Amino acid sequence: MSTSPALGETKEVRLPQGTLRYRERGSGRAIVFIHGLLVNGDLWRKVVPAIAANHRCIVPDLPLGSHGLALEPDADLTVPGLARLIADFLEALDLEDVVLVANDTGGALSQITITEYPERVGALVLTSCDAFDNFLPALFAPLLAMARVPSLLGLIARALQFRPLRRLPLAFGWLAKRPIDQPFEDGYLRPIVDDLDVRRDCAKVMRSIHPRFTLRAAEKLGNFTAPVLLAWAREDRFFPVAHAERLAALFPNATLELIDDSYTFVSEDQPERLAEVMLRFLDHGRAANATPRATG
């Protein structure tokens, strides 16, 4: 499993669900980066260095199929259980006024986290991600049904070791506009190929995914009054800009920034632009009189 030195020191923390590995770099206000299915914290390797100059960047490897440490066999890895795990992680590190930054499936988990466990979260950054009835996107429905069985999940992952298949829409082809650096792309897939317990964790997650969780969270988003940045890929193939606009309308204090020339993985396709809008948000987003706006 390839790990990026750009994310800082590798650490581990013991949670009720098991041991979670994370990377940490920088000091200051805590910024916690949340990834989605079948990737890990390396998704943020091109963004963290710019943010870590003045902030404490913390990047967990969540049990979503590309994690190096499997959790306990009885860990609750349902969608609500994963939101609880994120909250437990913030508590275990004794973090306050956290900026939660999320992408893809991690965005859905973060929406649930801030509606159920908002106490330690002081701001939210959502890049292109699942929301409303789009959890997961319809294109992934057949794959999701197959992947709920650990043995089939392993077969799918092994097939993706053939690198040309990774550019298909059902793999990374519509998530990243450009090929992902090969060592990290390999690193996303290696744990689920090599480790039966990692496959077990991922299958548990996939069995739970359903739009009822994001729809229920959407009903409560208006209660989250802290600053929110929606940094959305204008050309996203899975997560429409209309959903970003809808989210911006639900949050009381939201800013929408559209990112050009990118698909869902904006941290891969446009890391400099994402870091730029994040830093501007971090500089100004905590002002009590912040005015919601839309740019792009």
Protein backbone atom coordinates (compact mmCIF):
# COMPACT_ATOMS: atom_id res chain seq x y z
CA MET A 1 0.00 0.00 0.00
CA SER A 2 1.62 3.24 -1.15
CA THR A 3 1.46 6.17 1.25
CA SER A 4 2.39 9.75 0.50
CA PRO A 5 4.99 11.51 2.67
CA ALA A 6 3.18 14.74 1.80
CA LEU A 7 0.53 13.83 4.39
CA GLY A 8 3.00 13.77 7.27
CA GLU A 9 3.61 11.35 10.11
CA THR A 10 1.69 8.06 10.21
CA LYS A 11 -0.12 7.45 13.51
CA GLU A 12 -2.72 5.09 14.93
CA VAL A 13 -5.60 5.60 17.36
CA ARG A 14 -7.69 3.03 19.14
CA LEU A 15 -11.44 3.48 18.70
CA PRO A 16 -14.34 1.32 19.91
CA GLN A 17 -14.53 -0.07 16.34
CA GLY A 18 -10.84 -0.97 16.15
CA THR A 19 -7.51 0.66 15.37
CA LEU A 20 -7.59 3.46 12.79
CA ARG A 21 -4.50 4.65 10.96
CA TYR A 22 -4.14 8.32 10.06
CA ARG A 23 -1.54 10.82 8.87
CA GLU A 24 -0.88 14.22 10.41
CA ARG A 25 1.02 17.32 9.30
CA GLY A 26 1.20 20.93 10.45
CA SER A 27 -0.13 22.81 13.46
CA GLY A 28 -3.02 25.16 14.17
CA ARG A 29 -6.73 24.66 13.68
CA ALA A 30 -7.57 21.00 12.94
CA ILE A 31 -8.58 20.17 9.36
CA VAL A 32 -9.81 16.57 9.04
CA PHE A 33 -9.95 15.15 5.50
CA ILE A 34 -12.53 12.45 4.70
CA HIS A 35 -12.24 10.27 1.58
CA GLY A 36 -14.74 7.99 -0.15
CA LEU A 37 -15.07 4.36 -1.20
CA LEU A 38 -12.08 2.44 -2.57
CA VAL A 39 -9.58 5.21 -1.96
CA ASN A 40 -7.75 6.28 1.19
CA GLY A 41 -6.19 9.40 2.65
CA ASP A 42 -3.68 9.60 -0.20
CA LEU A 43 -6.51 11.22 -2.17
CA TRP A 44 -5.55 14.47 -0.38
CA ARG A 45 -1.78 14.27 -0.90
CA LYS A 46 -1.69 17.16 -3.41
CA VAL A 47 -3.79 19.51 -1.24
CA VAL A 48 -2.52 18.97 2.30
CA PRO A 49 0.94 20.56 1.85
CA ALA A 50 -0.60 23.96 1.00
CA ILE A 51 -3.09 23.77 3.87
CA ALA A 52 -0.61 22.46 6.44
CA ALA A 53 1.48 25.63 6.32
CA ASN A 54 -0.91 27.19 8.87
CA HIS A 55 -3.23 24.36 9.92
CA ARG A 56 -3.10 20.93 11.52
CA CYS A 57 -4.06 18.52 8.75
CA ILE A 58 -5.31 15.11 9.88
CA VAL A 59 -6.06 12.44 7.27
CA PRO A 60 -7.60 9.16 8.44
CA ASP A 61 -7.74 6.00 6.34
CA LEU A 62 -11.37 5.03 6.84
CA PRO A 63 -12.58 1.41 6.48
CA LEU A 64 -13.89 1.92 2.95
CA GLY A 65 -11.87 -0.73 1.14
CA SER A 66 -8.43 0.87 0.74
CA HIS A 67 -7.43 0.86 4.41
CA GLY A 68 -4.36 -0.97 5.59
CA LEU A 69 -5.77 -1.97 8.98
CA ALA A 70 -9.03 -3.90 9.14
CA LEU A 71 -11.32 -3.06 12.04
CA GLU A 72 -12.81 -5.47 14.58
CA PRO A 73 -15.05 -8.16 13.06
CA ASP A 74 -18.06 -6.84 14.98
CA ALA A 75 -17.46 -3.15 14.16
CA ASP A 76 -20.58 -1.26 13.12
CA LEU A 77 -19.77 -0.22 9.55
CA THR A 78 -23.27 0.72 8.50
CA VAL A 79 -23.60 4.26 7.17
CA PRO A 80 -24.78 5.58 10.57
CA GLY A 81 -22.02 3.56 12.19
CA LEU A 82 -19.39 5.23 9.99
CA ALA A 83 -20.69 8.67 10.99
CA ARG A 84 -20.32 7.53 14.60
CA LEU A 85 -16.78 6.34 13.82
CA ILE A 86 -15.86 9.80 12.46
CA ALA A 87 -17.29 11.40 15.60
CA ASP A 88 -15.39 8.89 17.77
CA PHE A 89 -12.18 9.74 15.87
CA LEU A 90 -12.60 13.46 16.58
CA GLU A 91 -13.28 12.68 20.23
CA ALA A 92 -10.33 10.30 20.57
CA LEU A 93 -7.96 13.01 19.31
CA ASP A 94 -9.74 15.60 21.51
CA LEU A 95 -10.34 17.88 18.53
CA GLU A 96 -12.53 20.98 18.76
CA ASP A 97 -13.74 23.47 16.14
CA VAL A 98 -12.75 21.00 13.42
CA VAL A 99 -13.00 21.81 9.73
CA LEU A 100 -14.33 18.64 8.12
CA VAL A 101 -13.30 18.31 4.45
CA ALA A 102 -14.90 15.55 2.39
CA ASN A 103 -15.22 14.08 -1.08
CA ASP A 104 -17.39 11.47 -2.84
CA THR A 105 -18.85 8.90 -0.37
CA GLY A 106 -17.06 10.75 2.41
CA GLY A 107 -19.26 13.75 1.69
CA ALA A 108 -22.38 11.71 2.44
CA LEU A 109 -20.81 10.44 5.67
CA SER A 110 -19.86 13.98 6.64
CA GLN A 111 -23.39 15.28 6.06
CA ILE A 112 -24.65 12.62 8.44
CA THR A 113 -21.88 13.37 10.93
CA ILE A 114 -22.67 17.08 11.17
CA THR A 115 -26.39 16.43 11.56
CA GLU A 116 -25.99 13.73 14.23
CA TYR A 117 -22.71 14.67 15.95
CA PRO A 118 -22.07 18.38 15.28
CA GLU A 119 -20.44 19.24 18.61
CA ARG A 120 -16.80 19.16 17.50
CA VAL A 121 -17.28 20.48 13.94
CA GLY A 122 -16.78 24.21 13.37
CA ALA A 123 -16.92 24.28 9.57
CA LEU A 124 -17.54 21.97 6.62
CA VAL A 125 -16.01 21.71 3.16
CA LEU A 126 -17.81 19.44 0.70
CA THR A 127 -16.18 18.75 -2.62
CA SER A 128 -18.24 16.84 -5.21
CA CYS A 129 -20.08 14.13 -3.32
CA ASP A 130 -23.18 12.00 -2.79
CA ALA A 131 -26.28 13.83 -1.60
CA PHE A 132 -30.07 13.51 -1.52
CA ASP A 133 -31.23 10.51 -3.59
CA ASN A 134 -27.83 10.12 -5.27
CA PHE A 135 -26.12 7.70 -2.84
CA LEU A 136 -24.54 5.90 -4.71
CA PRO A 137 -24.90 7.23 -8.28
CA ALA A 138 -27.13 5.03 -10.46
CA LEU A 139 -24.25 3.89 -12.69
CA PHE A 140 -22.75 2.04 -9.73
CA ALA A 141 -25.94 0.15 -8.79
CA PRO A 142 -25.01 -3.17 -10.50
CA LEU A 143 -21.45 -2.96 -9.22
CA LEU A 144 -22.70 -2.14 -5.73
CA ALA A 145 -25.00 -5.17 -5.73
CA MET A 146 -22.14 -7.48 -6.75
CA ALA A 147 -19.61 -5.89 -4.43
CA ARG A 148 -21.74 -6.51 -1.35
CA VAL A 149 -20.43 -10.09 -1.44
CA PRO A 150 -16.80 -10.11 -0.22
CA SER A 151 -15.69 -12.83 -2.68
CA LEU A 152 -17.13 -10.93 -5.66
CA LEU A 153 -15.61 -7.72 -4.33
CA GLY A 154 -12.21 -9.38 -4.41
CA LEU A 155 -12.75 -10.53 -7.99
CA ILE A 156 -13.69 -7.01 -9.09
CA ALA A 157 -10.59 -5.58 -7.39
CA ARG A 158 -8.37 -8.21 -9.02
CA ALA A 159 -9.80 -7.36 -12.43
CA LEU A 160 -8.87 -3.73 -11.83
CA GLN A 161 -5.25 -4.74 -11.48
CA PHE A 162 -5.36 -4.64 -15.28
CA ARG A 163 -4.68 -0.91 -15.51
CA PRO A 164 -6.59 -0.06 -18.73
CA LEU A 165 -9.82 -1.14 -16.98
CA ARG A 166 -9.29 1.55 -14.37
CA ARG A 167 -10.17 4.27 -16.88
CA LEU A 168 -13.65 2.83 -17.39
CA PRO A 169 -16.55 4.88 -15.97
CA LEU A 170 -17.26 2.11 -13.44
CA ALA A 171 -13.72 2.47 -12.08
CA PHE A 172 -11.77 5.75 -11.89
CA GLY A 173 -12.49 6.97 -15.43
CA TRP A 174 -15.32 9.38 -14.50
CA LEU A 175 -13.95 10.19 -11.06
CA ALA A 176 -10.62 11.63 -12.17
CA LYS A 177 -10.30 13.48 -15.45
CA ARG A 178 -6.65 12.53 -15.72
CA PRO A 179 -4.91 9.26 -14.81
CA ILE A 180 -4.11 8.96 -11.12
CA ASP A 181 -0.43 8.58 -10.25
CA GLN A 182 0.13 4.84 -10.62
CA PRO A 183 1.70 4.10 -7.19
CA PHE A 184 -1.28 5.64 -5.44
CA GLU A 185 -3.85 4.11 -7.75
CA ASP A 186 -2.22 0.73 -7.08
CA GLY A 187 -2.29 1.55 -3.38
CA TYR A 188 -6.03 2.16 -3.45
CA LEU A 189 -6.67 -1.33 -4.81
CA ARG A 190 -4.00 -3.40 -3.09
CA PRO A 191 -5.61 -3.75 0.39
CA ILE A 192 -8.90 -5.11 -0.92
CA VAL A 193 -7.07 -7.61 -3.13
CA ASP A 194 -4.66 -8.81 -0.43
CA ASP A 195 -6.66 -8.72 2.78
CA LEU A 196 -9.81 -10.75 3.38
CA ASP A 197 -10.69 -8.68 6.47
CA VAL A 198 -10.47 -5.44 4.48
CA ARG A 199 -12.88 -6.97 1.96
CA ARG A 200 -15.17 -7.90 4.84
CA ASP A 201 -15.14 -4.30 6.11
CA CYS A 202 -15.86 -2.88 2.67
CA ALA A 203 -18.68 -5.33 1.99
CA LYS A 204 -20.30 -4.35 5.31
CA VAL A 205 -20.21 -0.71 4.24
CA MET A 206 -21.65 -1.43 0.81
CA ARG A 207 -24.51 -3.49 2.22
CA SER A 208 -25.64 -0.42 4.16
CA ILE A 209 -25.46 2.29 1.49
CA HIS A 210 -28.90 3.68 0.69
CA PRO A 211 -30.31 7.14 -0.19
CA ARG A 212 -32.53 7.11 2.89
CA PHE A 213 -29.50 8.15 4.93
CA THR A 214 -28.61 11.19 2.82
CA LEU A 215 -32.26 12.16 2.41
CA ARG A 216 -32.71 12.03 6.18
CA ALA A 217 -29.56 14.12 6.68
CA ALA A 218 -30.76 16.68 4.12
CA GLU A 219 -33.80 17.36 6.30
CA LYS A 220 -31.47 18.49 9.11
CA LEU A 221 -28.77 20.40 7.21
CA GLY A 222 -30.45 23.70 8.01
CA ASN A 223 -29.58 23.17 11.67
CA PHE A 224 -25.87 23.38 10.89
CA THR A 225 -25.18 27.12 11.13
CA ALA A 226 -21.37 27.01 10.92
CA PRO A 227 -19.65 28.11 7.67
CA VAL A 228 -19.85 25.67 4.76
CA LEU A 229 -17.86 25.64 1.52
CA LEU A 230 -19.12 23.66 -1.47
CA ALA A 231 -16.13 23.27 -3.82
CA TRP A 232 -17.78 21.43 -6.70
CA ALA A 233 -16.48 20.18 -10.02
CA ARG A 234 -18.38 21.97 -12.77
CA GLU A 235 -17.96 18.97 -15.12
CA ASP A 236 -18.75 16.26 -12.59
CA ARG A 237 -20.20 13.15 -14.24
CA PHE A 238 -21.81 11.72 -11.09
CA PHE A 239 -22.70 14.60 -8.80
CA PRO A 240 -24.59 17.41 -10.57
CA VAL A 241 -23.99 21.06 -9.86
CA ALA A 242 -27.73 21.29 -9.20
CA HIS A 243 -27.15 19.23 -6.06
CA ALA A 244 -24.42 21.62 -4.92
CA GLU A 245 -26.83 24.51 -5.45
CA ARG A 246 -29.48 22.65 -3.49
CA LEU A 247 -27.09 22.02 -0.64
CA ALA A 248 -26.01 25.67 -0.64
CA ALA A 249 -29.66 26.68 -0.28
CA LEU A 250 -30.18 24.36 2.69
CA PHE A 251 -27.17 25.44 4.74
CA PRO A 252 -27.68 28.82 6.46
CA ASN A 253 -24.08 29.96 5.85
CA ALA A 254 -22.83 28.42 2.60
CA THR A 255 -20.42 29.45 -0.12
CA LEU A 256 -20.43 27.70 -3.51
CA GLU A 257 -17.27 27.61 -5.62
CA LEU A 258 -17.27 25.80 -8.97
CA ILE A 259 -14.01 24.12 -10.00
CA ASP A 260 -13.31 24.01 -13.74
CA ASP A 261 -11.53 21.23 -15.63
CA SER A 262 -12.17 18.53 -13.04
CA TYR A 263 -14.29 15.49 -12.32
CA THR A 264 -15.25 14.26 -8.84
CA PHE A 265 -11.71 13.93 -7.49
CA VAL A 266 -10.98 17.67 -7.46
CA SER A 267 -8.01 17.01 -5.19
CA GLU A 268 -6.49 14.95 -8.02
CA ASP A 269 -7.53 17.09 -11.00
CA GLN A 270 -7.28 20.61 -9.57
CA PRO A 271 -5.40 20.50 -6.25
CA GLU A 272 -4.01 24.04 -6.52
CA ARG A 273 -7.43 25.52 -7.23
CA LEU A 274 -9.01 23.52 -4.40
CA ALA A 275 -6.31 24.62 -1.97
CA GLU A 276 -6.82 28.22 -3.06
CA VAL A 277 -10.57 28.26 -2.41
CA MET A 278 -10.12 26.34 0.84
CA LEU A 279 -7.54 28.77 2.17
CA ARG A 280 -9.75 31.73 1.30
CA PHE A 281 -12.64 30.03 3.08
CA LEU A 282 -10.51 29.21 6.12
CA ASP A 283 -9.33 32.82 6.32
CA HIS A 284 -12.81 34.32 6.11
CA GLY A 285 -15.36 31.59 6.74
CA ARG A 286 -15.42 31.93 10.52
CA ALA A 287 -16.62 35.52 10.50
CA ALA A 288 -19.96 35.73 12.24
CA ASN A 289 -21.38 37.97 9.55
CA ALA A 290 -20.21 35.86 6.60
CA THR A 291 -22.54 36.33 3.64
CA PRO A 292 -23.48 33.27 1.55
CA ARG A 293 -22.49 33.69 -2.07
CA ALA A 294 -22.08 31.70 -5.25
CA THR A 295 -19.09 32.11 -7.55
CA GLY A 296 -17.69 30.38 -10.55
